[in-house]
Amino acid sequence: MTLTHKTFIITGASAGIGQALAIKLAKQGSNVVLAARNQAALMKTADDCLKAGGQAIAVPTDVTNPEACQNLIEQAVSREACDTFSTNRLRQRGIGE
């Protein structure tokens, strides 16, 4: 299965597993919609994804906030059809902080 031109929403994309996944997908030509609370780190991940060859948009998002999650989905859908959603919720539960 090719991941070229597929679109993925990745939460927790500013660091750790989420960041690594975003960059790996970008290297394979995927489009990534990146979400995390830390806007500065999120923008760096988006820049790294662009440099890796993918397309990326960064949407600052707190996944504990339903309105923020709705905005994330709306941002993703307004740009591309979303193929896959990946979430990295370990930090939300206090693990890895």
N, C-alpha and C. Protein backbone atom coordinates (compact mmCIF):
# COMPACT_ATOMS: atom_id res chain seq x y z
N MET A 1 0.85 -1.19 0.00
CA MET A 1 0.00 0.00 0.00
C MET A 1 0.89 1.24 0.00
N THR A 2 0.60 2.13 -0.90
CA THR A 2 1.35 3.37 -0.97
C THR A 2 0.71 4.42 -0.08
N LEU A 3 1.54 5.22 0.56
CA LEU A 3 1.05 6.28 1.44
C LEU A 3 1.15 7.65 0.76
N THR A 4 1.64 7.68 -0.46
CA THR A 4 1.76 8.92 -1.20
C THR A 4 0.39 9.54 -1.40
N HIS A 5 0.29 10.82 -1.08
CA HIS A 5 -0.92 11.61 -1.23
C HIS A 5 -2.06 11.19 -0.30
N LYS A 6 -1.81 10.31 0.65
CA LYS A 6 -2.81 10.00 1.68
C LYS A 6 -2.72 11.08 2.74
N THR A 7 -3.83 11.35 3.40
CA THR A 7 -3.86 12.40 4.43
C THR A 7 -4.12 11.79 5.79
N PHE A 8 -3.30 12.18 6.75
CA PHE A 8 -3.37 11.66 8.12
C PHE A 8 -3.50 12.81 9.11
N ILE A 9 -4.37 12.65 10.10
CA ILE A 9 -4.43 13.58 11.23
C ILE A 9 -3.64 12.92 12.35
N ILE A 10 -2.68 13.66 12.91
CA ILE A 10 -1.85 13.11 13.98
C ILE A 10 -1.90 14.06 15.17
N THR A 11 -2.41 13.57 16.29
CA THR A 11 -2.39 14.37 17.51
C THR A 11 -1.13 14.01 18.29
N GLY A 12 -0.73 14.90 19.17
CA GLY A 12 0.52 14.70 19.90
C GLY A 12 1.71 14.83 18.97
N ALA A 13 1.58 15.64 17.94
CA ALA A 13 2.58 15.72 16.88
C ALA A 13 3.75 16.63 17.19
N SER A 14 3.77 17.27 18.34
CA SER A 14 4.85 18.21 18.64
C SER A 14 6.09 17.53 19.21
N ALA A 15 5.97 16.25 19.62
CA ALA A 15 7.12 15.57 20.23
C ALA A 15 6.89 14.06 20.21
N GLY A 16 7.94 13.33 20.49
CA GLY A 16 7.85 11.89 20.71
C GLY A 16 7.33 11.10 19.53
N ILE A 17 6.48 10.11 19.85
CA ILE A 17 5.95 9.20 18.84
C ILE A 17 5.14 9.94 17.77
N GLY A 18 4.32 10.90 18.18
CA GLY A 18 3.52 11.65 17.21
C GLY A 18 4.38 12.41 16.23
N GLN A 19 5.43 13.04 16.72
CA GLN A 19 6.35 13.78 15.85
C GLN A 19 7.08 12.82 14.90
N ALA A 20 7.58 11.72 15.43
CA ALA A 20 8.30 10.75 14.61
C ALA A 20 7.39 10.17 13.52
N LEU A 21 6.15 9.86 13.87
CA LEU A 21 5.20 9.33 12.90
C LEU A 21 4.93 10.34 11.80
N ALA A 22 4.74 11.60 12.19
CA ALA A 22 4.46 12.65 11.20
C ALA A 22 5.60 12.77 10.19
N ILE A 23 6.82 12.79 10.68
CA ILE A 23 7.97 12.94 9.78
C ILE A 23 8.13 11.70 8.90
N LYS A 24 7.93 10.53 9.47
CA LYS A 24 8.04 9.28 8.68
C LYS A 24 6.99 9.26 7.56
N LEU A 25 5.76 9.65 7.87
CA LEU A 25 4.72 9.70 6.85
C LEU A 25 5.05 10.73 5.78
N ALA A 26 5.56 11.88 6.20
CA ALA A 26 5.93 12.93 5.24
C ALA A 26 7.02 12.45 4.30
N LYS A 27 7.98 11.69 4.82
CA LYS A 27 9.05 11.15 3.97
C LYS A 27 8.49 10.21 2.90
N GLN A 28 7.33 9.63 3.17
CA GLN A 28 6.70 8.72 2.21
C GLN A 28 5.72 9.45 1.30
N GLY A 29 5.71 10.79 1.36
CA GLY A 29 4.87 11.58 0.47
C GLY A 29 3.45 11.81 0.95
N SER A 30 3.20 11.56 2.23
CA SER A 30 1.86 11.75 2.78
C SER A 30 1.61 13.22 3.13
N ASN A 31 0.35 13.56 3.22
CA ASN A 31 -0.10 14.85 3.74
C ASN A 31 -0.42 14.63 5.21
N VAL A 32 0.06 15.52 6.08
CA VAL A 32 -0.20 15.36 7.50
C VAL A 32 -0.84 16.61 8.07
N VAL A 33 -1.86 16.39 8.88
CA VAL A 33 -2.52 17.45 9.63
C VAL A 33 -2.08 17.24 11.07
N LEU A 34 -1.31 18.17 11.58
CA LEU A 34 -0.65 18.00 12.87
C LEU A 34 -1.39 18.75 13.97
N ALA A 35 -1.56 18.09 15.11
CA ALA A 35 -2.24 18.70 16.25
C ALA A 35 -1.45 18.49 17.52
N ALA A 36 -1.37 19.53 18.34
CA ALA A 36 -0.74 19.47 19.66
C ALA A 36 -1.01 20.80 20.34
N ARG A 37 -0.75 20.85 21.63
CA ARG A 37 -0.95 22.09 22.39
C ARG A 37 0.19 23.08 22.21
N ASN A 38 1.41 22.58 22.06
CA ASN A 38 2.60 23.44 21.99
C ASN A 38 2.77 23.96 20.57
N GLN A 39 2.33 25.19 20.34
CA GLN A 39 2.31 25.74 18.99
C GLN A 39 3.70 25.87 18.39
N ALA A 40 4.68 26.31 19.15
CA ALA A 40 6.04 26.48 18.61
C ALA A 40 6.62 25.14 18.17
N ALA A 41 6.49 24.13 19.01
CA ALA A 41 7.00 22.80 18.67
C ALA A 41 6.21 22.20 17.51
N LEU A 42 4.92 22.48 17.46
CA LEU A 42 4.07 21.99 16.38
C LEU A 42 4.52 22.59 15.04
N MET A 43 4.83 23.86 15.03
CA MET A 43 5.29 24.51 13.81
C MET A 43 6.63 23.95 13.35
N LYS A 44 7.50 23.60 14.29
CA LYS A 44 8.78 22.98 13.93
C LYS A 44 8.55 21.61 13.29
N THR A 45 7.64 20.83 13.86
CA THR A 45 7.32 19.53 13.27
C THR A 45 6.77 19.70 11.86
N ALA A 46 5.89 20.68 11.67
CA ALA A 46 5.34 20.94 10.33
C ALA A 46 6.46 21.30 9.36
N ASP A 47 7.40 22.12 9.79
CA ASP A 47 8.52 22.50 8.94
C ASP A 47 9.37 21.27 8.60
N ASP A 48 9.61 20.41 9.59
CA ASP A 48 10.38 19.18 9.36
C ASP A 48 9.66 18.27 8.35
N CYS A 49 8.35 18.21 8.43
CA CYS A 49 7.56 17.40 7.49
C CYS A 49 7.67 17.95 6.07
N LEU A 50 7.60 19.25 5.94
CA LEU A 50 7.74 19.87 4.62
C LEU A 50 9.12 19.58 4.03
N LYS A 51 10.15 19.71 4.86
CA LYS A 51 11.51 19.42 4.41
C LYS A 51 11.69 17.96 4.03
N ALA A 52 10.91 17.08 4.66
CA ALA A 52 10.99 15.63 4.38
C ALA A 52 10.27 15.25 3.09
N GLY A 53 9.50 16.18 2.53
CA GLY A 53 8.85 15.90 1.25
C GLY A 53 7.35 15.76 1.29
N GLY A 54 6.75 15.88 2.46
CA GLY A 54 5.30 15.80 2.57
C GLY A 54 4.67 17.17 2.62
N GLN A 55 3.37 17.20 2.69
CA GLN A 55 2.61 18.43 2.91
C GLN A 55 2.14 18.41 4.36
N ALA A 56 2.16 19.54 5.02
CA ALA A 56 1.78 19.58 6.43
C ALA A 56 1.05 20.86 6.77
N ILE A 57 0.05 20.72 7.64
CA ILE A 57 -0.56 21.89 8.25
C ILE A 57 -0.56 21.65 9.75
N ALA A 58 -0.38 22.71 10.50
CA ALA A 58 -0.35 22.63 11.95
C ALA A 58 -1.60 23.30 12.51
N VAL A 59 -2.30 22.60 13.37
CA VAL A 59 -3.52 23.12 13.99
C VAL A 59 -3.37 22.99 15.50
N PRO A 60 -3.00 24.07 16.19
CA PRO A 60 -2.88 23.97 17.65
C PRO A 60 -4.19 23.45 18.24
N THR A 61 -4.10 22.37 19.02
CA THR A 61 -5.30 21.69 19.50
C THR A 61 -5.06 21.09 20.88
N ASP A 62 -6.00 21.31 21.78
CA ASP A 62 -6.03 20.62 23.06
C ASP A 62 -7.13 19.57 22.93
N VAL A 63 -6.75 18.30 22.86
CA VAL A 63 -7.73 17.25 22.59
C VAL A 63 -8.70 17.03 23.75
N THR A 64 -8.51 17.69 24.87
CA THR A 64 -9.49 17.61 25.96
C THR A 64 -10.62 18.60 25.75
N ASN A 65 -10.49 19.45 24.72
CA ASN A 65 -11.49 20.48 24.43
C ASN A 65 -12.28 20.07 23.18
N PRO A 66 -13.56 19.73 23.33
CA PRO A 66 -14.35 19.28 22.18
C PRO A 66 -14.40 20.29 21.04
N GLU A 67 -14.46 21.58 21.36
CA GLU A 67 -14.50 22.59 20.30
C GLU A 67 -13.19 22.62 19.52
N ALA A 68 -12.07 22.45 20.22
CA ALA A 68 -10.77 22.42 19.55
C ALA A 68 -10.67 21.21 18.63
N CYS A 69 -11.21 20.08 19.09
CA CYS A 69 -11.20 18.87 18.25
C CYS A 69 -12.07 19.06 17.02
N GLN A 70 -13.20 19.69 17.18
CA GLN A 70 -14.08 19.97 16.04
C GLN A 70 -13.37 20.86 15.03
N ASN A 71 -12.66 21.87 15.54
CA ASN A 71 -11.90 22.76 14.66
C ASN A 71 -10.82 21.98 13.91
N LEU A 72 -10.14 21.07 14.60
CA LEU A 72 -9.11 20.25 13.96
C LEU A 72 -9.69 19.47 12.78
N ILE A 73 -10.81 18.83 13.01
CA ILE A 73 -11.45 18.04 11.95
C ILE A 73 -11.89 18.95 10.80
N GLU A 74 -12.46 20.09 11.13
CA GLU A 74 -12.89 21.03 10.09
C GLU A 74 -11.71 21.52 9.26
N GLN A 75 -10.59 21.83 9.93
CA GLN A 75 -9.40 22.28 9.21
C GLN A 75 -8.89 21.19 8.27
N ALA A 76 -8.88 19.96 8.74
CA ALA A 76 -8.41 18.84 7.92
C ALA A 76 -9.32 18.61 6.72
N VAL A 77 -10.61 18.60 6.95
CA VAL A 77 -11.57 18.33 5.88
C VAL A 77 -11.60 19.47 4.86
N SER A 78 -11.39 20.69 5.31
CA SER A 78 -11.43 21.83 4.38
C SER A 78 -10.25 21.82 3.42
N ARG A 79 -9.19 21.12 3.77
CA ARG A 79 -8.01 21.07 2.91
C ARG A 79 -7.92 19.79 2.10
N GLU A 80 -8.25 18.68 2.71
CA GLU A 80 -8.10 17.37 2.06
C GLU A 80 -9.10 16.41 2.66
N ALA A 81 -9.38 15.36 1.95
CA ALA A 81 -10.14 14.25 2.55
C ALA A 81 -9.19 13.53 3.49
N CYS A 82 -9.65 13.17 4.65
CA CYS A 82 -8.80 12.52 5.64
C CYS A 82 -8.89 11.01 5.49
N ASP A 83 -7.74 10.37 5.36
CA ASP A 83 -7.70 8.93 5.20
C ASP A 83 -7.56 8.21 6.54
N THR A 84 -6.79 8.77 7.47
CA THR A 84 -6.50 8.09 8.73
C THR A 84 -6.33 9.10 9.85
N PHE A 85 -6.70 8.69 11.04
CA PHE A 85 -6.56 9.52 12.24
C PHE A 85 -5.71 8.75 13.24
N SER A 86 -4.64 9.36 13.71
CA SER A 86 -3.77 8.72 14.71
C SER A 86 -3.71 9.62 15.93
N THR A 87 -3.83 9.03 17.09
CA THR A 87 -3.77 9.83 18.31
C THR A 87 -2.69 9.31 19.23
N ASN A 88 -2.04 10.23 19.89
CA ASN A 88 -1.00 9.92 20.85
C ASN A 88 -1.45 10.54 22.17
N ARG A 89 -2.14 9.76 23.00
CA ARG A 89 -2.77 10.30 24.20
C ARG A 89 -2.01 10.03 25.49
N LEU A 90 -0.80 9.51 25.41
CA LEU A 90 -0.06 9.20 26.63
C LEU A 90 0.17 10.43 27.50
N ARG A 91 0.51 11.54 26.92
CA ARG A 91 0.74 12.75 27.70
C ARG A 91 -0.54 13.22 28.40
N GLN A 92 -1.64 13.03 27.76
CA GLN A 92 -2.90 13.45 28.35
C GLN A 92 -3.18 12.71 29.65
N ARG A 93 -2.71 11.50 29.77
CA ARG A 93 -2.93 10.70 30.96
C ARG A 93 -1.80 10.86 31.98
N GLY A 94 -0.87 11.80 31.73
CA GLY A 94 0.19 12.05 32.67
C GLY A 94 1.42 11.20 32.44
N ILE A 95 1.44 10.40 31.40
CA ILE A 95 2.59 9.57 31.09
C ILE A 95 3.47 10.33 30.11
N GLY A 96 4.75 10.39 30.38
CA GLY A 96 5.68 11.03 29.46
C GLY A 96 5.78 12.53 29.62
N GLU A 97 5.24 13.09 30.66
CA GLU A 97 5.35 14.53 30.85
C GLU A 97 6.63 14.87 31.58
